[in-house]
Amino acid sequence: MGKDEVLGIIASSALPERLKLYLAASLGPRRGSRLGRLLKKDPVSLAGNLAALFRSAEEALAVDAGEAVSAAGFNYNNAAPGRLGAALAELRAAVFLRGEGFSGIQLLPQAASKTADLSACRGGKTYAFEVCCLAGGPPLAARVEPAAGKLTALLCAKYRKKIAQARTCRKKSGLTNCGLFIALDPEGFGPPPDPDTLAALAAEVYRGSDIRPGEHLCLISGETAAVFPAWD
């Protein structure tokens, strides 16, 4: 699809204005990114999926979509690969938690040292959640060996590396529960995974990681998510 046509689709979308400008800039010659390539391939689906995510995030967080993506640590002037995906992962985590019956969902200040990304309440308990992305791993659809084993190993390593911040927040705040979200496809570019496959993978990674009582692992791939173990 031609650049002018893509720009027109972005401009007419329901996305926040500053994000429209960012997406348009990703089409430039100096930003030959994965995002720009995907925009050229299917701008209608991409813009529509992102707009739907922002609407859901506004409901989950009770803030404006543009404010939410900034609170998630995204800087519109930062074109570093993965930064938008990292912010979208936090929004998807918030949307998932709302659907799981959590309330008081908040994006925690980015300036705080060694804190988690989100806090939320359920069943009289407050949880701290760290959110991260897995880049460069095999696609979730490739659940056959050796790709399946490689993906599980990568997720286990990611858990061991990233859970520390949620644990620190849990300890400092006197909380009983915490968790880690790992997003495999935060932008929602790929085909949706089978929910049972994602749930089985979450259980497999959980059992293969150094997980302590009161911790939960949540996997996100596009709009699909799974948690293990089940909430208390």
C-alpha atoms as a PDB file:
ATOM      1  CA  MET A   1       0.000   0.000   0.000  1.00  0.00           C
ATOM      2  CA  GLY A   2       1.264   3.473  -0.883  1.00  0.00           C
ATOM      3  CA  LYS A   3       2.537   5.836   1.781  1.00  0.00           C
ATOM      4  CA  ASP A   4      -0.091   8.512   1.105  1.00  0.00           C
ATOM      5  CA  GLU A   5      -2.894   5.982   1.466  1.00  0.00           C
ATOM      6  CA  VAL A   6      -1.449   4.691   4.729  1.00  0.00           C
ATOM      7  CA  LEU A   7      -1.116   8.231   6.063  1.00  0.00           C
ATOM      8  CA  GLY A   8      -4.768   8.881   5.226  1.00  0.00           C
ATOM      9  CA  ILE A   9      -5.864   5.775   7.127  1.00  0.00           C
ATOM     10  CA  ILE A  10      -3.815   6.810  10.161  1.00  0.00           C
ATOM     11  CA  ALA A  11      -5.194  10.348  10.080  1.00  0.00           C
ATOM     12  CA  SER A  12      -8.804   9.160   9.959  1.00  0.00           C
ATOM     13  CA  SER A  13      -8.376   6.605  12.753  1.00  0.00           C
ATOM     14  CA  ALA A  14      -9.614   6.977  16.336  1.00  0.00           C
ATOM     15  CA  LEU A  15      -6.095   6.966  17.790  1.00  0.00           C
ATOM     16  CA  PRO A  16      -4.717   9.772  20.009  1.00  0.00           C
ATOM     17  CA  GLU A  17      -3.397  12.624  17.887  1.00  0.00           C
ATOM     18  CA  ARG A  18       0.193  12.373  19.117  1.00  0.00           C
ATOM     19  CA  LEU A  19       0.253   8.659  18.377  1.00  0.00           C
ATOM     20  CA  LYS A  20      -0.975   9.357  14.839  1.00  0.00           C
ATOM     21  CA  LEU A  21       2.028  11.644  14.359  1.00  0.00           C
ATOM     22  CA  TYR A  22       4.358   8.994  15.765  1.00  0.00           C
ATOM     23  CA  LEU A  23       2.976   6.302  13.474  1.00  0.00           C
ATOM     24  CA  ALA A  24       3.214   8.609  10.470  1.00  0.00           C
ATOM     25  CA  ALA A  25       6.857   9.346  11.316  1.00  0.00           C
ATOM     26  CA  SER A  26       7.590   5.606  11.462  1.00  0.00           C
ATOM     27  CA  LEU A  27       6.974   5.509   7.714  1.00  0.00           C
ATOM     28  CA  GLY A  28       9.878   7.856   7.047  1.00  0.00           C
ATOM     29  CA  PRO A  29      13.187   6.691   5.528  1.00  0.00           C
ATOM     30  CA  ARG A  30      15.061   7.097   8.814  1.00  0.00           C
ATOM     31  CA  ARG A  31      12.618   4.915  10.721  1.00  0.00           C
ATOM     32  CA  GLY A  32      12.556   1.794   8.593  1.00  0.00           C
ATOM     33  CA  SER A  33      11.172  -0.149  11.521  1.00  0.00           C
ATOM     34  CA  ARG A  34       9.058  -3.245  11.914  1.00  0.00           C
ATOM     35  CA  LEU A  35       6.217  -0.931  12.888  1.00  0.00           C
ATOM     36  CA  GLY A  36       6.532   0.994   9.641  1.00  0.00           C
ATOM     37  CA  ARG A  37       6.593  -2.195   7.578  1.00  0.00           C
ATOM     38  CA  LEU A  38       3.488  -3.529   9.293  1.00  0.00           C
ATOM     39  CA  LEU A  39       1.689  -0.232   8.822  1.00  0.00           C
ATOM     40  CA  LYS A  40       2.298  -0.417   5.089  1.00  0.00           C
ATOM     41  CA  LYS A  41       1.117  -4.013   5.013  1.00  0.00           C
ATOM     42  CA  ASP A  42      -2.194  -3.631   6.885  1.00  0.00           C
ATOM     43  CA  PRO A  43      -2.795  -0.128   8.296  1.00  0.00           C
ATOM     44  CA  VAL A  44      -6.555  -0.624   8.709  1.00  0.00           C
ATOM     45  CA  SER A  45      -6.231  -3.630  11.011  1.00  0.00           C
ATOM     46  CA  LEU A  46      -3.327  -2.158  12.935  1.00  0.00           C
ATOM     47  CA  ALA A  47      -5.007   1.192  13.563  1.00  0.00           C
ATOM     48  CA  GLY A  48      -8.304  -0.486  14.431  1.00  0.00           C
ATOM     49  CA  ASN A  49      -6.704  -2.928  16.876  1.00  0.00           C
ATOM     50  CA  LEU A  50      -4.768  -0.175  18.621  1.00  0.00           C
ATOM     51  CA  ALA A  51      -7.844   2.051  18.847  1.00  0.00           C
ATOM     52  CA  ALA A  52      -9.822  -0.798  20.439  1.00  0.00           C
ATOM     53  CA  LEU A  53      -7.012  -1.383  22.945  1.00  0.00           C
ATOM     54  CA  PHE A  54      -6.965   2.278  23.917  1.00  0.00           C
ATOM     55  CA  ARG A  55     -10.729   2.337  24.450  1.00  0.00           C
ATOM     56  CA  SER A  56     -10.491  -0.684  26.737  1.00  0.00           C
ATOM     57  CA  ALA A  57      -7.477   0.794  28.566  1.00  0.00           C
ATOM     58  CA  GLU A  58      -9.395   4.020  29.222  1.00  0.00           C
ATOM     59  CA  GLU A  59     -12.115   1.989  30.929  1.00  0.00           C
ATOM     60  CA  ALA A  60      -9.654  -0.117  32.918  1.00  0.00           C
ATOM     61  CA  LEU A  61      -7.531   2.811  34.109  1.00  0.00           C
ATOM     62  CA  ALA A  62     -10.161   5.588  34.146  1.00  0.00           C
ATOM     63  CA  VAL A  63      -7.816   7.947  32.280  1.00  0.00           C
ATOM     64  CA  ASP A  64      -7.534   9.332  28.763  1.00  0.00           C
ATOM     65  CA  ALA A  65      -5.835   6.990  26.285  1.00  0.00           C
ATOM     66  CA  GLY A  66      -3.056   9.444  25.477  1.00  0.00           C
ATOM     67  CA  GLU A  67      -2.376   9.926  29.175  1.00  0.00           C
ATOM     68  CA  ALA A  68      -2.388   6.175  29.730  1.00  0.00           C
ATOM     69  CA  VAL A  69       0.247   5.414  27.102  1.00  0.00           C
ATOM     70  CA  SER A  70       2.479   8.183  28.465  1.00  0.00           C
ATOM     71  CA  ALA A  71       2.010   6.902  32.032  1.00  0.00           C
ATOM     72  CA  ALA A  72       3.122   3.506  30.756  1.00  0.00           C
ATOM     73  CA  GLY A  73       6.499   5.052  29.980  1.00  0.00           C
ATOM     74  CA  PHE A  74       6.160   5.773  26.271  1.00  0.00           C
ATOM     75  CA  ASN A  75       7.865   8.905  24.994  1.00  0.00           C
ATOM     76  CA  TYR A  76       6.535  10.022  21.621  1.00  0.00           C
ATOM     77  CA  ASN A  77       9.967  11.454  20.822  1.00  0.00           C
ATOM     78  CA  ASN A  78      11.729   8.142  21.464  1.00  0.00           C
ATOM     79  CA  ALA A  79      11.868   6.005  18.327  1.00  0.00           C
ATOM     80  CA  ALA A  80      13.876   3.214  19.969  1.00  0.00           C
ATOM     81  CA  PRO A  81      12.625  -0.221  18.875  1.00  0.00           C
ATOM     82  CA  GLY A  82      10.309  -1.841  21.369  1.00  0.00           C
ATOM     83  CA  ARG A  83       9.335   1.238  23.361  1.00  0.00           C
ATOM     84  CA  LEU A  84       5.802   1.425  21.982  1.00  0.00           C
ATOM     85  CA  GLY A  85       5.384  -2.323  22.434  1.00  0.00           C
ATOM     86  CA  ALA A  86       6.457  -2.067  26.084  1.00  0.00           C
ATOM     87  CA  ALA A  87       3.821   0.585  26.761  1.00  0.00           C
ATOM     88  CA  LEU A  88       1.130  -1.376  24.926  1.00  0.00           C
ATOM     89  CA  ALA A  89       1.995  -4.431  27.037  1.00  0.00           C
ATOM     90  CA  GLU A  90       1.173  -2.463  30.191  1.00  0.00           C
ATOM     91  CA  LEU A  91      -2.149  -1.357  28.732  1.00  0.00           C
ATOM     92  CA  ARG A  92      -3.004  -4.929  27.752  1.00  0.00           C
ATOM     93  CA  ALA A  93      -2.119  -6.079  31.267  1.00  0.00           C
ATOM     94  CA  ALA A  94      -4.487  -3.486  32.733  1.00  0.00           C
ATOM     95  CA  VAL A  95      -7.290  -4.538  30.387  1.00  0.00           C
ATOM     96  CA  PHE A  96      -6.773  -8.209  31.264  1.00  0.00           C
ATOM     97  CA  LEU A  97      -6.850  -7.489  35.001  1.00  0.00           C
ATOM     98  CA  ARG A  98     -10.112  -5.591  34.671  1.00  0.00           C
ATOM     99  CA  GLY A  99     -11.629  -8.550  32.856  1.00  0.00           C
ATOM    100  CA  GLU A 100     -10.444 -10.802  35.694  1.00  0.00           C
ATOM    101  CA  GLY A 101     -12.395  -8.795  38.271  1.00  0.00           C
ATOM    102  CA  PHE A 102      -9.618  -6.510  39.534  1.00  0.00           C
ATOM    103  CA  SER A 103     -10.352  -2.939  40.597  1.00  0.00           C
ATOM    104  CA  GLY A 104      -8.245   0.100  41.471  1.00  0.00           C
ATOM    105  CA  ILE A 105      -5.891  -0.697  38.597  1.00  0.00           C
ATOM    106  CA  GLN A 106      -3.060   1.840  38.484  1.00  0.00           C
ATOM    107  CA  LEU A 107       0.065   2.414  36.424  1.00  0.00           C
ATOM    108  CA  LEU A 108       2.816   3.072  38.970  1.00  0.00           C
ATOM    109  CA  PRO A 109       5.169   6.044  38.534  1.00  0.00           C
ATOM    110  CA  GLN A 110       8.102   5.259  36.260  1.00  0.00           C
ATOM    111  CA  ALA A 111      10.472   7.445  38.253  1.00  0.00           C
ATOM    112  CA  ALA A 112      10.279   5.250  41.343  1.00  0.00           C
ATOM    113  CA  SER A 113      13.295   2.998  41.748  1.00  0.00           C
ATOM    114  CA  LYS A 114      12.831  -0.773  41.576  1.00  0.00           C
ATOM    115  CA  THR A 115       9.082  -0.681  41.632  1.00  0.00           C
ATOM    116  CA  ALA A 116       6.504  -2.695  39.739  1.00  0.00           C
ATOM    117  CA  ASP A 117       4.561  -1.345  36.746  1.00  0.00           C
ATOM    118  CA  LEU A 118       0.994  -1.933  37.943  1.00  0.00           C
ATOM    119  CA  SER A 119      -0.993  -2.376  41.112  1.00  0.00           C
ATOM    120  CA  ALA A 120      -4.527  -3.736  41.364  1.00  0.00           C
ATOM    121  CA  CYS A 121      -6.961  -5.123  43.937  1.00  0.00           C
ATOM    122  CA  ARG A 122      -8.995  -8.320  43.981  1.00  0.00           C
ATOM    123  CA  GLY A 123     -10.702 -10.198  46.798  1.00  0.00           C
ATOM    124  CA  GLY A 124      -9.458  -7.750  49.420  1.00  0.00           C
ATOM    125  CA  LYS A 125      -5.822  -8.156  48.335  1.00  0.00           C
ATOM    126  CA  THR A 126      -3.552  -5.697  46.536  1.00  0.00           C
ATOM    127  CA  TYR A 127      -1.214  -7.123  43.917  1.00  0.00           C
ATOM    128  CA  ALA A 128       1.964  -5.666  42.395  1.00  0.00           C
ATOM    129  CA  PHE A 129       2.715  -6.571  38.779  1.00  0.00           C
ATOM    130  CA  GLU A 130       5.806  -6.158  36.638  1.00  0.00           C
ATOM    131  CA  VAL A 131       5.228  -6.114  32.858  1.00  0.00           C
ATOM    132  CA  CYS A 132       7.800  -6.994  30.206  1.00  0.00           C
ATOM    133  CA  CYS A 133       8.037  -8.140  26.598  1.00  0.00           C
ATOM    134  CA  LEU A 134       9.793 -11.105  25.030  1.00  0.00           C
ATOM    135  CA  ALA A 135      11.526 -10.064  21.824  1.00  0.00           C
ATOM    136  CA  GLY A 136      13.319 -12.308  19.403  1.00  0.00           C
ATOM    137  CA  GLY A 137      11.810 -15.608  20.477  1.00  0.00           C
ATOM    138  CA  PRO A 138      10.090 -18.188  18.271  1.00  0.00           C
ATOM    139  CA  PRO A 139       6.424 -17.514  17.488  1.00  0.00           C
ATOM    140  CA  LEU A 140       3.843 -18.980  19.823  1.00  0.00           C
ATOM    141  CA  ALA A 141       2.346 -20.942  16.940  1.00  0.00           C
ATOM    142  CA  ALA A 142       5.555 -22.959  16.688  1.00  0.00           C
ATOM    143  CA  ARG A 143       4.714 -25.290  19.580  1.00  0.00           C
ATOM    144  CA  VAL A 144       6.700 -28.215  18.248  1.00  0.00           C
ATOM    145  CA  GLU A 145      10.204 -29.198  19.265  1.00  0.00           C
ATOM    146  CA  PRO A 146      12.758 -27.726  19.233  1.00  0.00           C
ATOM    147  CA  ALA A 147      10.964 -24.358  18.945  1.00  0.00           C
ATOM    148  CA  ALA A 148       8.593 -25.135  21.834  1.00  0.00           C
ATOM    149  CA  GLY A 149      11.460 -25.946  24.180  1.00  0.00           C
ATOM    150  CA  LYS A 150      13.329 -22.825  23.159  1.00  0.00           C
ATOM    151  CA  LEU A 151      10.307 -20.620  23.837  1.00  0.00           C
ATOM    152  CA  THR A 152       9.734 -22.178  27.256  1.00  0.00           C
ATOM    153  CA  ALA A 153      13.407 -21.694  28.168  1.00  0.00           C
ATOM    154  CA  LEU A 154      13.313 -18.053  27.072  1.00  0.00           C
ATOM    155  CA  LEU A 155      10.178 -17.387  29.126  1.00  0.00           C
ATOM    156  CA  CYS A 156      11.642 -19.067  32.211  1.00  0.00           C
ATOM    157  CA  ALA A 157      14.795 -16.953  31.892  1.00  0.00           C
ATOM    158  CA  LYS A 158      12.712 -13.814  31.460  1.00  0.00           C
ATOM    159  CA  TYR A 159      10.719 -14.645  34.584  1.00  0.00           C
ATOM    160  CA  ARG A 160      13.819 -15.133  36.709  1.00  0.00           C
ATOM    161  CA  LYS A 161      15.243 -11.837  35.473  1.00  0.00           C
ATOM    162  CA  LYS A 162      12.160  -9.615  35.747  1.00  0.00           C
ATOM    163  CA  ILE A 163      10.220 -10.866  38.778  1.00  0.00           C
ATOM    164  CA  ALA A 164      12.641  -9.125  41.167  1.00  0.00           C
ATOM    165  CA  GLN A 165      10.962  -5.737  40.767  1.00  0.00           C
ATOM    166  CA  ALA A 166       7.524  -7.089  41.597  1.00  0.00           C
ATOM    167  CA  ARG A 167       8.977  -8.885  44.609  1.00  0.00           C
ATOM    168  CA  THR A 168      10.660  -5.701  45.810  1.00  0.00           C
ATOM    169  CA  CYS A 169       7.433  -3.728  45.498  1.00  0.00           C
ATOM    170  CA  ARG A 170       5.536  -6.523  47.253  1.00  0.00           C
ATOM    171  CA  LYS A 171       7.969  -6.518  50.178  1.00  0.00           C
ATOM    172  CA  LYS A 172       8.223  -2.733  50.554  1.00  0.00           C
ATOM    173  CA  SER A 173       4.451  -2.304  50.420  1.00  0.00           C
ATOM    174  CA  GLY A 174       3.657  -5.246  52.674  1.00  0.00           C
ATOM    175  CA  LEU A 175       1.611  -7.017  50.003  1.00  0.00           C
ATOM    176  CA  THR A 176       0.823 -10.730  49.949  1.00  0.00           C
ATOM    177  CA  ASN A 177       0.677 -11.201  46.174  1.00  0.00           C
ATOM    178  CA  CYS A 178       2.553 -10.151  43.064  1.00  0.00           C
ATOM    179  CA  GLY A 179       3.027 -11.299  39.501  1.00  0.00           C
ATOM    180  CA  LEU A 180       4.749 -10.901  36.180  1.00  0.00           C
ATOM    181  CA  PHE A 181       3.181 -10.248  32.794  1.00  0.00           C
ATOM    182  CA  ILE A 182       5.202 -11.365  29.779  1.00  0.00           C
ATOM    183  CA  ALA A 183       3.877 -10.061  26.469  1.00  0.00           C
ATOM    184  CA  LEU A 184       4.832 -12.038  23.364  1.00  0.00           C
ATOM    185  CA  ASP A 185       2.940  -9.847  20.901  1.00  0.00           C
ATOM    186  CA  PRO A 186       1.886  -6.606  22.668  1.00  0.00           C
ATOM    187  CA  GLU A 187       1.058  -4.798  19.422  1.00  0.00           C
ATOM    188  CA  GLY A 188      -1.287  -7.565  18.291  1.00  0.00           C
ATOM    189  CA  PHE A 189       0.459  -7.944  14.929  1.00  0.00           C
ATOM    190  CA  GLY A 190       0.376 -11.724  14.773  1.00  0.00           C
ATOM    191  CA  PRO A 191      -2.485 -14.232  14.538  1.00  0.00           C
ATOM    192  CA  PRO A 192      -4.281 -14.875  17.852  1.00  0.00           C
ATOM    193  CA  PRO A 193      -3.007 -17.943  19.704  1.00  0.00           C
ATOM    194  CA  ASP A 194      -5.163 -20.804  20.868  1.00  0.00           C
ATOM    195  CA  PRO A 195      -6.215 -19.938  24.467  1.00  0.00           C
ATOM    196  CA  ASP A 196      -5.601 -23.492  25.669  1.00  0.00           C
ATOM    197  CA  THR A 197      -2.098 -23.441  24.194  1.00  0.00           C
ATOM    198  CA  LEU A 198      -1.315 -20.170  25.948  1.00  0.00           C
ATOM    199  CA  ALA A 199      -2.694 -21.482  29.254  1.00  0.00           C
ATOM    200  CA  ALA A 200      -0.640 -24.678  28.969  1.00  0.00           C
ATOM    201  CA  LEU A 201       2.482 -22.639  28.220  1.00  0.00           C
ATOM    202  CA  ALA A 202       1.895 -20.428  31.286  1.00  0.00           C
ATOM    203  CA  ALA A 203       1.616 -23.518  33.499  1.00  0.00           C
ATOM    204  CA  GLU A 204       4.751 -25.034  31.939  1.00  0.00           C
ATOM    205  CA  VAL A 205       6.810 -21.893  32.484  1.00  0.00           C
ATOM    206  CA  TYR A 206       5.491 -21.442  36.015  1.00  0.00           C
ATOM    207  CA  ARG A 207       6.532 -24.934  37.019  1.00  0.00           C
ATOM    208  CA  GLY A 208       9.958 -24.483  35.449  1.00  0.00           C
ATOM    209  CA  SER A 209      10.758 -21.192  37.180  1.00  0.00           C
ATOM    210  CA  ASP A 210      11.824 -20.088  40.649  1.00  0.00           C
ATOM    211  CA  ILE A 211       8.363 -18.930  41.645  1.00  0.00           C
ATOM    212  CA  ARG A 212       7.399 -18.267  45.246  1.00  0.00           C
ATOM    213  CA  PRO A 213       4.014 -18.610  46.991  1.00  0.00           C
ATOM    214  CA  GLY A 214       1.655 -15.759  46.166  1.00  0.00           C
ATOM    215  CA  GLU A 215       3.174 -15.145  42.721  1.00  0.00           C
ATOM    216  CA  HIS A 216       1.379 -15.425  39.382  1.00  0.00           C
ATOM    217  CA  LEU A 217       2.601 -15.635  35.807  1.00  0.00           C
ATOM    218  CA  CYS A 218       0.486 -13.987  33.110  1.00  0.00           C
ATOM    219  CA  LEU A 219       1.215 -14.458  29.412  1.00  0.00           C
ATOM    220  CA  ILE A 220      -0.195 -12.089  26.796  1.00  0.00           C
ATOM    221  CA  SER A 221      -0.231 -12.560  23.045  1.00  0.00           C
ATOM    222  CA  GLY A 222      -2.290  -9.904  21.296  1.00  0.00           C
ATOM    223  CA  GLU A 223      -5.742  -9.855  22.880  1.00  0.00           C
ATOM    224  CA  THR A 224      -5.347 -13.351  24.376  1.00  0.00           C
ATOM    225  CA  ALA A 225      -4.014 -13.825  27.904  1.00  0.00           C
ATOM    226  CA  ALA A 226      -3.604 -16.603  30.450  1.00  0.00           C
ATOM    227  CA  VAL A 227      -2.631 -16.731  34.126  1.00  0.00           C
ATOM    228  CA  PHE A 228      -1.133 -19.488  36.258  1.00  0.00           C
ATOM    229  CA  PRO A 229      -1.924 -20.352  38.958  1.00  0.00           C
ATOM    230  CA  ALA A 230      -5.503 -19.129  39.218  1.00  0.00           C
ATOM    231  CA  TRP A 231      -6.107 -16.117  41.436  1.00  0.00           C
ATOM    232  CA  ASP A 232      -6.619 -16.871  45.138  1.00  0.00           C
END
